[in-house]
Amino acid sequence: MSAGTAGVLELTEQNLAPAIDGALAKVPEPFRSTLIIVDVEDQSYESAAEALGVPIGTVRSRLFRGRRLMQEQLLTYAVDAGFVQ
């Protein structure tokens, strides 16, 4: 990775991190905790199921719905920021 690419990635992360944190905060429980365990902490579905005390199918369902909610929140941010129309 070139120095220019690293600088762009760092700038992008700095700009998007607050949007991602804000979107995640708006996702209701139990979807948020499932997203955090699997997508933020990079744990397996099995680990999430054990930590949450639910079947793996429930983890999958919560991830699907939680990711959809995150997508909706971030799309609003992207439109407001002029990334998409």
C-alpha atoms as a PDB file:
ATOM      1  CA  MET A   1       0.000   0.000   0.000  1.00  0.00           C
ATOM      2  CA  SER A   2       1.375   3.380  -0.972  1.00  0.00           C
ATOM      3  CA  ALA A   3       1.636   6.323   1.412  1.00  0.00           C
ATOM      4  CA  GLY A   4      -1.095   8.137  -0.556  1.00  0.00           C
ATOM      5  CA  THR A   5      -3.458   5.185  -0.290  1.00  0.00           C
ATOM      6  CA  ALA A   6      -2.780   4.866   3.435  1.00  0.00           C
ATOM      7  CA  GLY A   7      -3.544   8.572   3.883  1.00  0.00           C
ATOM      8  CA  VAL A   8      -6.840   8.274   2.008  1.00  0.00           C
ATOM      9  CA  LEU A   9      -7.846   5.223   4.048  1.00  0.00           C
ATOM     10  CA  GLU A  10      -7.009   7.014   7.299  1.00  0.00           C
ATOM     11  CA  LEU A  11      -9.000  10.074   6.263  1.00  0.00           C
ATOM     12  CA  THR A  12     -11.936   7.907   5.223  1.00  0.00           C
ATOM     13  CA  GLU A  13     -11.884   6.032   8.524  1.00  0.00           C
ATOM     14  CA  GLN A  14     -11.795   9.306  10.478  1.00  0.00           C
ATOM     15  CA  ASN A  15     -14.796  10.636   8.546  1.00  0.00           C
ATOM     16  CA  LEU A  16     -16.829   7.453   8.595  1.00  0.00           C
ATOM     17  CA  ALA A  17     -16.149   6.291  12.145  1.00  0.00           C
ATOM     18  CA  PRO A  18     -18.579   8.776  13.738  1.00  0.00           C
ATOM     19  CA  ALA A  19     -21.258   7.849  11.177  1.00  0.00           C
ATOM     20  CA  ILE A  20     -20.771   4.139  11.855  1.00  0.00           C
ATOM     21  CA  ASP A  21     -20.796   4.661  15.627  1.00  0.00           C
ATOM     22  CA  GLY A  22     -23.951   6.779  15.360  1.00  0.00           C
ATOM     23  CA  ALA A  23     -25.695   4.254  13.141  1.00  0.00           C
ATOM     24  CA  LEU A  24     -24.768   1.404  15.465  1.00  0.00           C
ATOM     25  CA  ALA A  25     -26.094   3.342  18.454  1.00  0.00           C
ATOM     26  CA  LYS A  26     -29.476   3.644  16.713  1.00  0.00           C
ATOM     27  CA  VAL A  27     -29.775  -0.108  16.102  1.00  0.00           C
ATOM     28  CA  PRO A  28     -32.010  -1.557  18.815  1.00  0.00           C
ATOM     29  CA  GLU A  29     -31.009  -4.408  21.048  1.00  0.00           C
ATOM     30  CA  PRO A  30     -30.632  -7.364  20.565  1.00  0.00           C
ATOM     31  CA  PHE A  31     -29.454  -6.621  17.016  1.00  0.00           C
ATOM     32  CA  ARG A  32     -26.752  -4.216  18.210  1.00  0.00           C
ATOM     33  CA  SER A  33     -25.062  -6.676  20.553  1.00  0.00           C
ATOM     34  CA  THR A  34     -25.080  -9.343  17.843  1.00  0.00           C
ATOM     35  CA  LEU A  35     -23.522  -6.927  15.339  1.00  0.00           C
ATOM     36  CA  ILE A  36     -20.866  -5.918  17.833  1.00  0.00           C
ATOM     37  CA  ILE A  37     -19.892  -9.492  18.645  1.00  0.00           C
ATOM     38  CA  VAL A  38     -19.767 -10.727  15.043  1.00  0.00           C
ATOM     39  CA  ASP A  39     -18.913  -7.686  12.925  1.00  0.00           C
ATOM     40  CA  VAL A  40     -16.930  -5.471  15.302  1.00  0.00           C
ATOM     41  CA  GLU A  41     -15.214  -8.063  17.496  1.00  0.00           C
ATOM     42  CA  ASP A  42     -14.919 -10.524  14.561  1.00  0.00           C
ATOM     43  CA  GLN A  43     -16.237 -13.469  16.558  1.00  0.00           C
ATOM     44  CA  SER A  44     -17.808 -16.533  14.937  1.00  0.00           C
ATOM     45  CA  TYR A  45     -21.540 -17.121  14.805  1.00  0.00           C
ATOM     46  CA  GLU A  46     -20.997 -19.984  17.243  1.00  0.00           C
ATOM     47  CA  SER A  47     -19.206 -17.707  19.715  1.00  0.00           C
ATOM     48  CA  ALA A  48     -21.958 -15.109  19.415  1.00  0.00           C
ATOM     49  CA  ALA A  49     -24.634 -17.741  19.987  1.00  0.00           C
ATOM     50  CA  GLU A  50     -22.858 -18.948  23.103  1.00  0.00           C
ATOM     51  CA  ALA A  51     -22.264 -15.429  24.455  1.00  0.00           C
ATOM     52  CA  LEU A  52     -25.867 -14.404  23.831  1.00  0.00           C
ATOM     53  CA  GLY A  53     -27.391 -17.712  24.928  1.00  0.00           C
ATOM     54  CA  VAL A  54     -29.337 -18.148  21.689  1.00  0.00           C
ATOM     55  CA  PRO A  55     -29.287 -20.636  18.793  1.00  0.00           C
ATOM     56  CA  ILE A  56     -27.070 -19.929  15.769  1.00  0.00           C
ATOM     57  CA  GLY A  57     -30.185 -19.408  13.645  1.00  0.00           C
ATOM     58  CA  THR A  58     -31.168 -16.532  15.915  1.00  0.00           C
ATOM     59  CA  VAL A  59     -27.707 -14.998  15.509  1.00  0.00           C
ATOM     60  CA  ARG A  60     -28.074 -15.212  11.716  1.00  0.00           C
ATOM     61  CA  SER A  61     -31.513 -13.626  11.844  1.00  0.00           C
ATOM     62  CA  ARG A  62     -30.371 -10.817  14.129  1.00  0.00           C
ATOM     63  CA  LEU A  63     -27.349 -10.148  11.918  1.00  0.00           C
ATOM     64  CA  PHE A  64     -29.500  -9.941   8.810  1.00  0.00           C
ATOM     65  CA  ARG A  65     -31.903  -7.495  10.404  1.00  0.00           C
ATOM     66  CA  GLY A  66     -29.180  -5.536  12.217  1.00  0.00           C
ATOM     67  CA  ARG A  67     -27.120  -5.159   9.058  1.00  0.00           C
ATOM     68  CA  ARG A  68     -30.192  -3.996   7.183  1.00  0.00           C
ATOM     69  CA  LEU A  69     -30.845  -1.355   9.855  1.00  0.00           C
ATOM     70  CA  MET A  70     -27.199  -0.236   9.676  1.00  0.00           C
ATOM     71  CA  GLN A  71     -27.464  -0.024   5.905  1.00  0.00           C
ATOM     72  CA  GLU A  72     -30.514   2.230   6.171  1.00  0.00           C
ATOM     73  CA  GLN A  73     -28.780   4.503   8.682  1.00  0.00           C
ATOM     74  CA  LEU A  74     -25.587   4.736   6.650  1.00  0.00           C
ATOM     75  CA  LEU A  75     -27.464   5.353   3.413  1.00  0.00           C
ATOM     76  CA  THR A  76     -29.032   8.406   5.023  1.00  0.00           C
ATOM     77  CA  TYR A  77     -25.548   9.576   6.028  1.00  0.00           C
ATOM     78  CA  ALA A  78     -24.182   8.920   2.523  1.00  0.00           C
ATOM     79  CA  VAL A  79     -26.987  10.943   0.915  1.00  0.00           C
ATOM     80  CA  ASP A  80     -26.528  13.812   3.384  1.00  0.00           C
ATOM     81  CA  ALA A  81     -22.750  13.778   2.806  1.00  0.00           C
ATOM     82  CA  GLY A  82     -23.183  13.764  -0.963  1.00  0.00           C
ATOM     83  CA  PHE A  83     -21.652  10.315  -1.527  1.00  0.00           C
ATOM     84  CA  VAL A  84     -24.803   9.060  -3.278  1.00  0.00           C
ATOM     85  CA  GLN A  85     -27.911  10.672  -4.696  1.00  0.00           C
END
